Amino acid sequence: MSKSEVSKGATALGLIAILFWSTSVGVNRSTIEFLGRTGAPAVLFTAAALLLLPARASLRELPRRYLWIGATLFVAYELCFVLALGLARTRHEAIEVGMVNYLWPSLTVLCSAAAGRKRLNALMLGGLALALAGVVTASSPPEGLSLSRFFHNAAANPLSYGLAFAGAIVWALYSTCTKFMAQGRNGLWFFMALSAVAFWICHAFNSDRPPMNWSAHVVIQVALASAAVTLAYTLWNIGVLRGNIHLLGLAANATPLLSALFASVLLSAPLPGVFWIGAAMVAAGSLMAAIGSRT
């Protein structure tokens, strides 16, 4: 296989990873409804860690800073993201909270620029502003844009919206830090295992945790969800290391739209036209910021 063929194949795998990632809001929320906000992620990440076990790298091979700083940021992000979905009061709100989380591409551009001591330009800042406006638009009622509606929703459930926004910041930091610290290494299995431990600890201390409602349907859903998470991270890593990173970076900006589409279907939660406009704005803002980072 030639170098160009390897690159094209790796890029294709990276693009497939984006599709798997886009199912995360829908599958996580659906699983949470059966196994609880702490039980579901504990089970999912345990299964994902077990799937990654055969391909795990030796911890001794990983740079120390990447191992501990990367692990801390990775686990913090997963806690923020999944608990934000679990704390959402309805399926529609879970999709809105997911849209807040997808501010991370724009924030990653800003963090990367700061880490590289690159001056922020109008495209970067304008992209972030457009993405923020998209989140507000996505939370508006069907009849039109409403800034007060977004703040009302956030004030009614500040922990869920706050965790989603914190998660966006943490993932931007993780994406920036690992680029400089990983040295081409991959600690995904260790990070997944630590995330599973963190969620089991949360589950143990969750006094109002509901009983896990297991059935054949739930077992199949957990298996598919954990496989999707494992494939998303694994294929993305291959794409980043051996594929066209610029193409993958641009394609990743479509994640907010794809995520909303998959979540709407998986959760049987039809979304109004104004939501799709907001999701498109988040994607466009991320793309604008990405373009600005290369000028």
C-alpha atoms as a PDB file:
ATOM      1  CA  MET A   1       0.000   0.000   0.000  1.00  0.00           C
ATOM      2  CA  SER A   2       1.409   3.367  -0.990  1.00  0.00           C
ATOM      3  CA  LYS A   3       1.828   6.324   1.307  1.00  0.00           C
ATOM      4  CA  SER A   4      -0.995   8.195  -0.454  1.00  0.00           C
ATOM      5  CA  GLU A   5      -3.305   5.157  -0.109  1.00  0.00           C
ATOM      6  CA  VAL A   6      -2.489   4.887   3.588  1.00  0.00           C
ATOM      7  CA  SER A   7      -3.250   8.587   3.976  1.00  0.00           C
ATOM      8  CA  LYS A   8      -6.569   8.322   2.132  1.00  0.00           C
ATOM      9  CA  GLY A   9      -7.575   5.245   4.105  1.00  0.00           C
ATOM     10  CA  ALA A  10      -6.663   6.854   7.421  1.00  0.00           C
ATOM     11  CA  THR A  11      -8.554  10.000   6.457  1.00  0.00           C
ATOM     12  CA  ALA A  12     -11.615   7.913   5.612  1.00  0.00           C
ATOM     13  CA  LEU A  13     -11.412   6.233   9.022  1.00  0.00           C
ATOM     14  CA  GLY A  14     -11.207   9.662  10.663  1.00  0.00           C
ATOM     15  CA  LEU A  15     -14.346  10.747   8.802  1.00  0.00           C
ATOM     16  CA  ILE A  16     -16.148   7.594   9.979  1.00  0.00           C
ATOM     17  CA  ALA A  17     -15.080   8.456  13.539  1.00  0.00           C
ATOM     18  CA  ILE A  18     -16.924  11.774  13.234  1.00  0.00           C
ATOM     19  CA  LEU A  19     -20.119   9.879  12.405  1.00  0.00           C
ATOM     20  CA  PHE A  20     -19.708   7.676  15.480  1.00  0.00           C
ATOM     21  CA  TRP A  21     -18.990  10.716  17.643  1.00  0.00           C
ATOM     22  CA  SER A  22     -22.142  12.369  16.389  1.00  0.00           C
ATOM     23  CA  THR A  23     -24.252   9.639  17.980  1.00  0.00           C
ATOM     24  CA  SER A  24     -22.894  10.338  21.477  1.00  0.00           C
ATOM     25  CA  VAL A  25     -25.672  12.658  22.678  1.00  0.00           C
ATOM     26  CA  GLY A  26     -28.444  10.332  21.526  1.00  0.00           C
ATOM     27  CA  VAL A  27     -26.977   7.021  22.718  1.00  0.00           C
ATOM     28  CA  ASN A  28     -25.759   8.402  26.048  1.00  0.00           C
ATOM     29  CA  ARG A  29     -29.095  10.012  26.886  1.00  0.00           C
ATOM     30  CA  SER A  30     -31.033   6.925  25.811  1.00  0.00           C
ATOM     31  CA  THR A  31     -28.843   4.633  27.945  1.00  0.00           C
ATOM     32  CA  ILE A  32     -29.076   7.013  30.914  1.00  0.00           C
ATOM     33  CA  GLU A  33     -32.866   6.678  30.856  1.00  0.00           C
ATOM     34  CA  PHE A  34     -32.486   2.935  31.540  1.00  0.00           C
ATOM     35  CA  LEU A  35     -29.428   2.765  33.795  1.00  0.00           C
ATOM     36  CA  GLY A  36     -29.323   6.184  35.479  1.00  0.00           C
ATOM     37  CA  ARG A  37     -27.111   9.244  35.054  1.00  0.00           C
ATOM     38  CA  THR A  38     -24.176   7.644  36.879  1.00  0.00           C
ATOM     39  CA  GLY A  39     -24.820   3.947  36.260  1.00  0.00           C
ATOM     40  CA  ALA A  40     -25.077   4.235  32.468  1.00  0.00           C
ATOM     41  CA  PRO A  41     -21.693   5.915  31.882  1.00  0.00           C
ATOM     42  CA  ALA A  42     -20.030   3.621  34.449  1.00  0.00           C
ATOM     43  CA  VAL A  43     -21.201   0.593  32.457  1.00  0.00           C
ATOM     44  CA  LEU A  44     -20.454   2.160  29.053  1.00  0.00           C
ATOM     45  CA  PHE A  45     -16.894   3.214  29.902  1.00  0.00           C
ATOM     46  CA  THR A  46     -16.167  -0.119  31.574  1.00  0.00           C
ATOM     47  CA  ALA A  47     -17.242  -1.915  28.402  1.00  0.00           C
ATOM     48  CA  ALA A  48     -15.238   0.517  26.240  1.00  0.00           C
ATOM     49  CA  ALA A  49     -12.115   0.002  28.367  1.00  0.00           C
ATOM     50  CA  LEU A  50     -12.498  -3.773  28.045  1.00  0.00           C
ATOM     51  CA  LEU A  51     -12.815  -3.475  24.266  1.00  0.00           C
ATOM     52  CA  LEU A  52      -9.601  -1.427  24.161  1.00  0.00           C
ATOM     53  CA  LEU A  53      -7.722  -3.775  26.489  1.00  0.00           C
ATOM     54  CA  PRO A  54      -6.093  -5.935  23.772  1.00  0.00           C
ATOM     55  CA  ALA A  55      -4.613  -2.868  22.039  1.00  0.00           C
ATOM     56  CA  ARG A  56      -3.523  -1.038  25.184  1.00  0.00           C
ATOM     57  CA  ALA A  57      -0.127   0.651  25.280  1.00  0.00           C
ATOM     58  CA  SER A  58       2.265   0.191  28.169  1.00  0.00           C
ATOM     59  CA  LEU A  59       1.977   3.075  30.614  1.00  0.00           C
ATOM     60  CA  ARG A  60       5.769   3.208  30.750  1.00  0.00           C
ATOM     61  CA  GLU A  61       5.810   4.237  27.082  1.00  0.00           C
ATOM     62  CA  LEU A  62       3.638   7.292  27.690  1.00  0.00           C
ATOM     63  CA  PRO A  63       5.151  10.706  28.484  1.00  0.00           C
ATOM     64  CA  ARG A  64       4.501  11.512  32.147  1.00  0.00           C
ATOM     65  CA  ARG A  65       2.907  14.908  31.531  1.00  0.00           C
ATOM     66  CA  TYR A  66       0.587  13.485  28.886  1.00  0.00           C
ATOM     67  CA  LEU A  67      -0.288  10.548  31.116  1.00  0.00           C
ATOM     68  CA  TRP A  68      -1.450  12.578  34.101  1.00  0.00           C
ATOM     69  CA  ILE A  69      -2.513  15.934  32.690  1.00  0.00           C
ATOM     70  CA  GLY A  70      -4.187  14.252  29.712  1.00  0.00           C
ATOM     71  CA  ALA A  71      -5.923  11.732  31.968  1.00  0.00           C
ATOM     72  CA  THR A  72      -7.190  14.449  34.314  1.00  0.00           C
ATOM     73  CA  LEU A  73      -8.630  16.529  31.466  1.00  0.00           C
ATOM     74  CA  PHE A  74     -10.118  13.498  29.682  1.00  0.00           C
ATOM     75  CA  VAL A  75     -11.902  12.209  32.786  1.00  0.00           C
ATOM     76  CA  ALA A  76     -13.060  15.723  33.717  1.00  0.00           C
ATOM     77  CA  TYR A  77     -14.557  16.184  30.256  1.00  0.00           C
ATOM     78  CA  GLU A  78     -16.417  12.881  30.311  1.00  0.00           C
ATOM     79  CA  LEU A  79     -17.826  13.644  33.755  1.00  0.00           C
ATOM     80  CA  CYS A  80     -18.997  17.088  32.632  1.00  0.00           C
ATOM     81  CA  PHE A  81     -20.456  15.949  29.315  1.00  0.00           C
ATOM     82  CA  VAL A  82     -22.277  12.805  30.399  1.00  0.00           C
ATOM     83  CA  LEU A  83     -23.574  14.224  33.691  1.00  0.00           C
ATOM     84  CA  ALA A  84     -24.829  17.305  31.819  1.00  0.00           C
ATOM     85  CA  LEU A  85     -26.889  15.005  29.597  1.00  0.00           C
ATOM     86  CA  GLY A  86     -28.099  13.028  32.602  1.00  0.00           C
ATOM     87  CA  LEU A  87     -29.201  16.148  34.463  1.00  0.00           C
ATOM     88  CA  ALA A  88     -31.197  17.464  31.496  1.00  0.00           C
ATOM     89  CA  ARG A  89     -34.873  17.376  32.399  1.00  0.00           C
ATOM     90  CA  THR A  90     -36.170  16.314  28.979  1.00  0.00           C
ATOM     91  CA  ARG A  91     -34.848  14.794  25.767  1.00  0.00           C
ATOM     92  CA  HIS A  92     -35.146  18.132  23.990  1.00  0.00           C
ATOM     93  CA  GLU A  93     -33.124  19.808  26.731  1.00  0.00           C
ATOM     94  CA  ALA A  94     -30.492  17.076  26.448  1.00  0.00           C
ATOM     95  CA  ILE A  95     -30.083  17.936  22.769  1.00  0.00           C
ATOM     96  CA  GLU A  96     -29.809  21.650  23.640  1.00  0.00           C
ATOM     97  CA  VAL A  97     -27.200  20.863  26.295  1.00  0.00           C
ATOM     98  CA  GLY A  98     -25.326  18.817  23.715  1.00  0.00           C
ATOM     99  CA  MET A  99     -25.240  21.869  21.465  1.00  0.00           C
ATOM    100  CA  VAL A 100     -23.611  23.900  24.265  1.00  0.00           C
ATOM    101  CA  ASN A 101     -20.952  21.188  24.486  1.00  0.00           C
ATOM    102  CA  TYR A 102     -20.214  21.591  20.775  1.00  0.00           C
ATOM    103  CA  LEU A 103     -18.677  24.985  21.378  1.00  0.00           C
ATOM    104  CA  TRP A 104     -15.441  23.024  21.904  1.00  0.00           C
ATOM    105  CA  PRO A 105     -14.174  23.247  18.268  1.00  0.00           C
ATOM    106  CA  SER A 106     -14.218  27.062  18.390  1.00  0.00           C
ATOM    107  CA  LEU A 107     -12.701  27.105  21.877  1.00  0.00           C
ATOM    108  CA  THR A 108     -10.006  24.661  20.742  1.00  0.00           C
ATOM    109  CA  VAL A 109      -8.946  27.103  18.035  1.00  0.00           C
ATOM    110  CA  LEU A 110      -8.603  29.870  20.621  1.00  0.00           C
ATOM    111  CA  CYS A 111      -6.699  27.629  23.072  1.00  0.00           C
ATOM    112  CA  SER A 112      -4.353  26.399  20.338  1.00  0.00           C
ATOM    113  CA  ALA A 113      -3.682  29.964  19.240  1.00  0.00           C
ATOM    114  CA  ALA A 114      -2.905  30.982  22.813  1.00  0.00           C
ATOM    115  CA  ALA A 115      -0.640  27.956  23.325  1.00  0.00           C
ATOM    116  CA  GLY A 116       1.212  28.787  20.125  1.00  0.00           C
ATOM    117  CA  ARG A 117       1.361  32.463  21.054  1.00  0.00           C
ATOM    118  CA  LYS A 118      -0.540  33.318  17.914  1.00  0.00           C
ATOM    119  CA  ARG A 119      -2.467  36.559  17.751  1.00  0.00           C
ATOM    120  CA  LEU A 120      -6.244  36.142  17.700  1.00  0.00           C
ATOM    121  CA  ASN A 121      -7.827  37.550  14.547  1.00  0.00           C
ATOM    122  CA  ALA A 122     -11.298  38.654  13.526  1.00  0.00           C
ATOM    123  CA  LEU A 123     -12.197  35.282  11.986  1.00  0.00           C
ATOM    124  CA  MET A 124     -11.358  33.384  15.175  1.00  0.00           C
ATOM    125  CA  LEU A 125     -13.289  35.728  17.445  1.00  0.00           C
ATOM    126  CA  GLY A 126     -16.120  36.092  14.932  1.00  0.00           C
ATOM    127  CA  GLY A 127     -16.376  32.300  14.669  1.00  0.00           C
ATOM    128  CA  LEU A 128     -16.700  31.919  18.428  1.00  0.00           C
ATOM    129  CA  ALA A 129     -19.308  34.706  18.534  1.00  0.00           C
ATOM    130  CA  LEU A 130     -21.298  33.018  15.743  1.00  0.00           C
ATOM    131  CA  ALA A 131     -21.125  29.664  17.541  1.00  0.00           C
ATOM    132  CA  LEU A 132     -22.362  31.252  20.783  1.00  0.00           C
ATOM    133  CA  ALA A 133     -25.192  32.941  18.884  1.00  0.00           C
ATOM    134  CA  GLY A 134     -26.017  29.549  17.395  1.00  0.00           C
ATOM    135  CA  VAL A 135     -26.398  28.002  20.852  1.00  0.00           C
ATOM    136  CA  VAL A 136     -28.821  30.772  21.830  1.00  0.00           C
ATOM    137  CA  THR A 137     -30.738  30.342  18.569  1.00  0.00           C
ATOM    138  CA  ALA A 138     -30.974  26.570  19.020  1.00  0.00           C
ATOM    139  CA  SER A 139     -32.568  27.121  22.443  1.00  0.00           C
ATOM    140  CA  SER A 140     -35.165  29.586  21.106  1.00  0.00           C
ATOM    141  CA  PRO A 141     -38.870  28.765  20.742  1.00  0.00           C
ATOM    142  CA  PRO A 142     -40.249  27.755  17.299  1.00  0.00           C
ATOM    143  CA  GLU A 143     -41.599  31.247  16.655  1.00  0.00           C
ATOM    144  CA  GLY A 144     -38.141  32.852  16.591  1.00  0.00           C
ATOM    145  CA  LEU A 145     -34.931  33.970  18.299  1.00  0.00           C
ATOM    146  CA  SER A 146     -35.197  34.569  22.042  1.00  0.00           C
ATOM    147  CA  LEU A 147     -32.188  35.408  24.185  1.00  0.00           C
ATOM    148  CA  SER A 148     -34.391  35.400  27.284  1.00  0.00           C
ATOM    149  CA  ARG A 149     -35.506  31.822  26.515  1.00  0.00           C
ATOM    150  CA  PHE A 150     -31.917  30.586  26.573  1.00  0.00           C
ATOM    151  CA  PHE A 151     -31.153  32.294  29.882  1.00  0.00           C
ATOM    152  CA  HIS A 152     -34.457  31.026  31.303  1.00  0.00           C
ATOM    153  CA  ASN A 153     -33.554  27.438  30.365  1.00  0.00           C
ATOM    154  CA  ALA A 154     -30.035  27.805  31.751  1.00  0.00           C
ATOM    155  CA  ALA A 155     -31.290  29.398  34.983  1.00  0.00           C
ATOM    156  CA  ALA A 156     -33.858  26.631  35.434  1.00  0.00           C
ATOM    157  CA  ASN A 157     -31.159  23.956  35.160  1.00  0.00           C
ATOM    158  CA  PRO A 158     -27.817  25.708  35.735  1.00  0.00           C
ATOM    159  CA  LEU A 159     -25.887  22.567  36.659  1.00  0.00           C
ATOM    160  CA  SER A 160     -26.665  20.811  33.378  1.00  0.00           C
ATOM    161  CA  TYR A 161     -25.906  23.830  31.161  1.00  0.00           C
ATOM    162  CA  GLY A 162     -22.911  24.789  33.287  1.00  0.00           C
ATOM    163  CA  LEU A 163     -21.384  21.311  33.078  1.00  0.00           C
ATOM    164  CA  ALA A 164     -21.875  21.276  29.298  1.00  0.00           C
ATOM    165  CA  PHE A 165     -20.070  24.604  28.928  1.00  0.00           C
ATOM    166  CA  ALA A 166     -17.318  23.554  31.339  1.00  0.00           C
ATOM    167  CA  GLY A 167     -16.938  20.356  29.325  1.00  0.00           C
ATOM    168  CA  ALA A 168     -16.462  22.353  26.125  1.00  0.00           C
ATOM    169  CA  ILE A 169     -13.645  24.312  27.772  1.00  0.00           C
ATOM    170  CA  VAL A 170     -12.013  21.194  29.237  1.00  0.00           C
ATOM    171  CA  TRP A 171     -12.082  19.316  25.906  1.00  0.00           C
ATOM    172  CA  ALA A 172     -10.556  22.319  24.164  1.00  0.00           C
ATOM    173  CA  LEU A 173      -7.749  22.261  26.733  1.00  0.00           C
ATOM    174  CA  TYR A 174      -7.351  18.484  26.337  1.00  0.00           C
ATOM    175  CA  SER A 175      -7.153  18.746  22.548  1.00  0.00           C
ATOM    176  CA  THR A 176      -4.554  21.502  22.815  1.00  0.00           C
ATOM    177  CA  CYS A 177      -2.420  19.932  25.550  1.00  0.00           C
ATOM    178  CA  THR A 178      -2.277  16.412  24.134  1.00  0.00           C
ATOM    179  CA  LYS A 179      -1.123  17.743  20.777  1.00  0.00           C
ATOM    180  CA  PHE A 180       2.017  19.055  22.470  1.00  0.00           C
ATOM    181  CA  MET A 181       2.498  16.372  25.149  1.00  0.00           C
ATOM    182  CA  ALA A 182       1.495  13.018  23.621  1.00  0.00           C
ATOM    183  CA  GLN A 183       4.526  12.684  21.299  1.00  0.00           C
ATOM    184  CA  GLY A 184       2.496  10.428  19.021  1.00  0.00           C
ATOM    185  CA  ARG A 185       1.556   8.071  21.871  1.00  0.00           C
ATOM    186  CA  ASN A 186      -1.964   6.949  22.735  1.00  0.00           C
ATOM    187  CA  GLY A 187      -3.191   6.564  26.313  1.00  0.00           C
ATOM    188  CA  LEU A 188      -6.848   6.045  25.380  1.00  0.00           C
ATOM    189  CA  TRP A 189      -7.280   2.727  27.198  1.00  0.00           C
ATOM    190  CA  PHE A 190      -5.929   4.176  30.450  1.00  0.00           C
ATOM    191  CA  PHE A 191      -8.117   7.275  30.096  1.00  0.00           C
ATOM    192  CA  MET A 192     -11.218   5.158  29.427  1.00  0.00           C
ATOM    193  CA  ALA A 193     -10.476   2.921  32.426  1.00  0.00           C
ATOM    194  CA  LEU A 194     -10.019   5.945  34.708  1.00  0.00           C
ATOM    195  CA  SER A 195     -13.300   7.399  33.427  1.00  0.00           C
ATOM    196  CA  ALA A 196     -15.064   4.134  34.273  1.00  0.00           C
ATOM    197  CA  VAL A 197     -13.600   4.219  37.802  1.00  0.00           C
ATOM    198  CA  ALA A 198     -14.673   7.859  38.224  1.00  0.00           C
ATOM    199  CA  PHE A 199     -18.251   7.076  37.193  1.00  0.00           C
ATOM    200  CA  TRP A 200     -18.447   4.006  39.459  1.00  0.00           C
ATOM    201  CA  ILE A 201     -17.319   6.217  42.360  1.00  0.00           C
ATOM    202  CA  CYS A 202     -19.995   8.785  41.447  1.00  0.00           C
ATOM    203  CA  HIS A 203     -22.538   5.970  41.238  1.00  0.00           C
ATOM    204  CA  ALA A 204     -21.554   4.639  44.656  1.00  0.00           C
ATOM    205  CA  PHE A 205     -22.037   8.054  46.266  1.00  0.00           C
ATOM    206  CA  ASN A 206     -25.250   8.846  44.361  1.00  0.00           C
ATOM    207  CA  SER A 207     -27.812   8.347  47.119  1.00  0.00           C
ATOM    208  CA  ASP A 208     -30.832   8.804  44.838  1.00  0.00           C
ATOM    209  CA  ARG A 209     -29.620   6.487  42.068  1.00  0.00           C
ATOM    210  CA  PRO A 210     -32.474   4.537  40.517  1.00  0.00           C
ATOM    211  CA  PRO A 211     -32.261   0.770  39.998  1.00  0.00           C
ATOM    212  CA  MET A 212     -30.727  -0.301  36.688  1.00  0.00           C
ATOM    213  CA  ASN A 213     -33.481  -1.600  34.411  1.00  0.00           C
ATOM    214  CA  TRP A 214     -31.702  -4.377  32.520  1.00  0.00           C
ATOM    215  CA  SER A 215     -33.272  -6.158  29.574  1.00  0.00           C
ATOM    216  CA  ALA A 216     -32.117  -7.734  26.319  1.00  0.00           C
ATOM    217  CA  HIS A 217     -32.777  -4.392  24.604  1.00  0.00           C
ATOM    218  CA  VAL A 218     -30.604  -2.513  27.114  1.00  0.00           C
ATOM    219  CA  VAL A 219     -27.761  -5.055  26.836  1.00  0.00           C
ATOM    220  CA  ILE A 220     -27.754  -4.654  23.052  1.00  0.00           C
ATOM    221  CA  GLN A 221     -27.856  -0.872  23.365  1.00  0.00           C
ATOM    222  CA  VAL A 222     -24.929  -0.840  25.838  1.00  0.00           C
ATOM    223  CA  ALA A 223     -22.929  -3.112  23.525  1.00  0.00           C
ATOM    224  CA  LEU A 224     -23.580  -0.902  20.505  1.00  0.00           C
ATOM    225  CA  ALA A 225     -22.966   2.328  22.427  1.00  0.00           C
ATOM    226  CA  SER A 226     -19.659   1.153  23.924  1.00  0.00           C
ATOM    227  CA  ALA A 227     -18.544  -0.116  20.517  1.00  0.00           C
ATOM    228  CA  ALA A 228     -19.411   3.264  18.971  1.00  0.00           C
ATOM    229  CA  VAL A 229     -17.392   5.121  21.631  1.00  0.00           C
ATOM    230  CA  THR A 230     -14.420   2.790  21.195  1.00  0.00           C
ATOM    231  CA  LEU A 231     -14.476   3.039  17.402  1.00  0.00           C
ATOM    232  CA  ALA A 232     -14.899   6.821  17.462  1.00  0.00           C
ATOM    233  CA  TYR A 233     -11.772   7.405  19.549  1.00  0.00           C
ATOM    234  CA  THR A 234      -9.724   4.642  17.888  1.00  0.00           C
ATOM    235  CA  LEU A 235     -10.509   5.648  14.308  1.00  0.00           C
ATOM    236  CA  TRP A 236     -10.011   9.336  15.081  1.00  0.00           C
ATOM    237  CA  ASN A 237      -6.572   8.585  16.476  1.00  0.00           C
ATOM    238  CA  ILE A 238      -5.638   6.737  13.246  1.00  0.00           C
ATOM    239  CA  GLY A 239      -6.976   9.597  11.159  1.00  0.00           C
ATOM    240  CA  VAL A 240      -5.056  12.236  13.110  1.00  0.00           C
ATOM    241  CA  LEU A 241      -1.777  10.307  13.034  1.00  0.00           C
ATOM    242  CA  ARG A 242      -1.831   9.113   9.406  1.00  0.00           C
ATOM    243  CA  GLY A 243      -4.549  10.989   7.549  1.00  0.00           C
ATOM    244  CA  ASN A 244      -5.249  14.492   6.274  1.00  0.00           C
ATOM    245  CA  ILE A 245      -5.607  16.412   9.538  1.00  0.00           C
ATOM    246  CA  HIS A 246      -6.755  19.599   7.817  1.00  0.00           C
ATOM    247  CA  LEU A 247      -9.612  17.824   6.046  1.00  0.00           C
ATOM    248  CA  LEU A 248     -10.595  16.047   9.248  1.00  0.00           C
ATOM    249  CA  GLY A 249     -10.509  19.311  11.172  1.00  0.00           C
ATOM    250  CA  LEU A 250     -12.872  20.931   8.682  1.00  0.00           C
ATOM    251  CA  ALA A 251     -15.182  17.889   8.606  1.00  0.00           C
ATOM    252  CA  ALA A 252     -15.377  17.846  12.420  1.00  0.00           C
ATOM    253  CA  ASN A 253     -17.137  21.197  12.280  1.00  0.00           C
ATOM    254  CA  ALA A 254     -20.221  19.409  10.946  1.00  0.00           C
ATOM    255  CA  THR A 255     -20.533  17.485  14.223  1.00  0.00           C
ATOM    256  CA  PRO A 256     -23.143  19.805  15.811  1.00  0.00           C
ATOM    257  CA  LEU A 257     -25.526  19.280  12.887  1.00  0.00           C
ATOM    258  CA  LEU A 258     -24.905  15.541  12.681  1.00  0.00           C
ATOM    259  CA  SER A 259     -25.243  15.171  16.451  1.00  0.00           C
ATOM    260  CA  ALA A 260     -28.585  16.975  16.456  1.00  0.00           C
ATOM    261  CA  LEU A 261     -29.791  14.831  13.564  1.00  0.00           C
ATOM    262  CA  PHE A 262     -28.824  11.524  15.196  1.00  0.00           C
ATOM    263  CA  ALA A 263     -30.139  12.611  18.609  1.00  0.00           C
ATOM    264  CA  SER A 264     -33.461  13.702  17.141  1.00  0.00           C
ATOM    265  CA  VAL A 265     -33.888  10.291  15.477  1.00  0.00           C
ATOM    266  CA  LEU A 266     -32.551   8.140  18.330  1.00  0.00           C
ATOM    267  CA  LEU A 267     -34.577   9.964  20.983  1.00  0.00           C
ATOM    268  CA  SER A 268     -37.698  10.414  18.836  1.00  0.00           C
ATOM    269  CA  ALA A 269     -37.535  14.147  19.569  1.00  0.00           C
ATOM    270  CA  PRO A 270     -38.451  16.239  16.505  1.00  0.00           C
ATOM    271  CA  LEU A 271     -36.745  19.628  16.526  1.00  0.00           C
ATOM    272  CA  PRO A 272     -38.137  22.970  15.254  1.00  0.00           C
ATOM    273  CA  GLY A 273     -36.625  24.813  12.317  1.00  0.00           C
ATOM    274  CA  VAL A 274     -35.056  27.434  14.580  1.00  0.00           C
ATOM    275  CA  PHE A 275     -33.006  24.717  16.285  1.00  0.00           C
ATOM    276  CA  TRP A 276     -31.516  23.595  12.977  1.00  0.00           C
ATOM    277  CA  ILE A 277     -30.638  27.199  12.157  1.00  0.00           C
ATOM    278  CA  GLY A 278     -28.822  27.440  15.489  1.00  0.00           C
ATOM    279  CA  ALA A 279     -26.996  24.136  14.922  1.00  0.00           C
ATOM    280  CA  ALA A 280     -25.884  25.354  11.490  1.00  0.00           C
ATOM    281  CA  MET A 281     -24.603  28.563  13.093  1.00  0.00           C
ATOM    282  CA  VAL A 282     -22.548  26.571  15.624  1.00  0.00           C
ATOM    283  CA  ALA A 283     -21.046  24.503  12.800  1.00  0.00           C
ATOM    284  CA  ALA A 284     -20.383  27.597  10.662  1.00  0.00           C
ATOM    285  CA  GLY A 285     -18.805  29.417  13.606  1.00  0.00           C
ATOM    286  CA  SER A 286     -16.486  26.493  14.254  1.00  0.00           C
ATOM    287  CA  LEU A 287     -15.515  26.417  10.587  1.00  0.00           C
ATOM    288  CA  MET A 288     -14.882  30.164  10.555  1.00  0.00           C
ATOM    289  CA  ALA A 289     -12.639  29.919  13.602  1.00  0.00           C
ATOM    290  CA  ALA A 290     -10.748  26.998  12.032  1.00  0.00           C
ATOM    291  CA  ILE A 291     -10.149  28.983   8.836  1.00  0.00           C
ATOM    292  CA  GLY A 292      -9.048  31.963  10.892  1.00  0.00           C
ATOM    293  CA  SER A 293      -6.450  29.839  12.661  1.00  0.00           C
ATOM    294  CA  ARG A 294      -4.738  29.123   9.338  1.00  0.00           C
ATOM    295  CA  THR A 295      -4.542  32.710   8.093  1.00  0.00           C
END
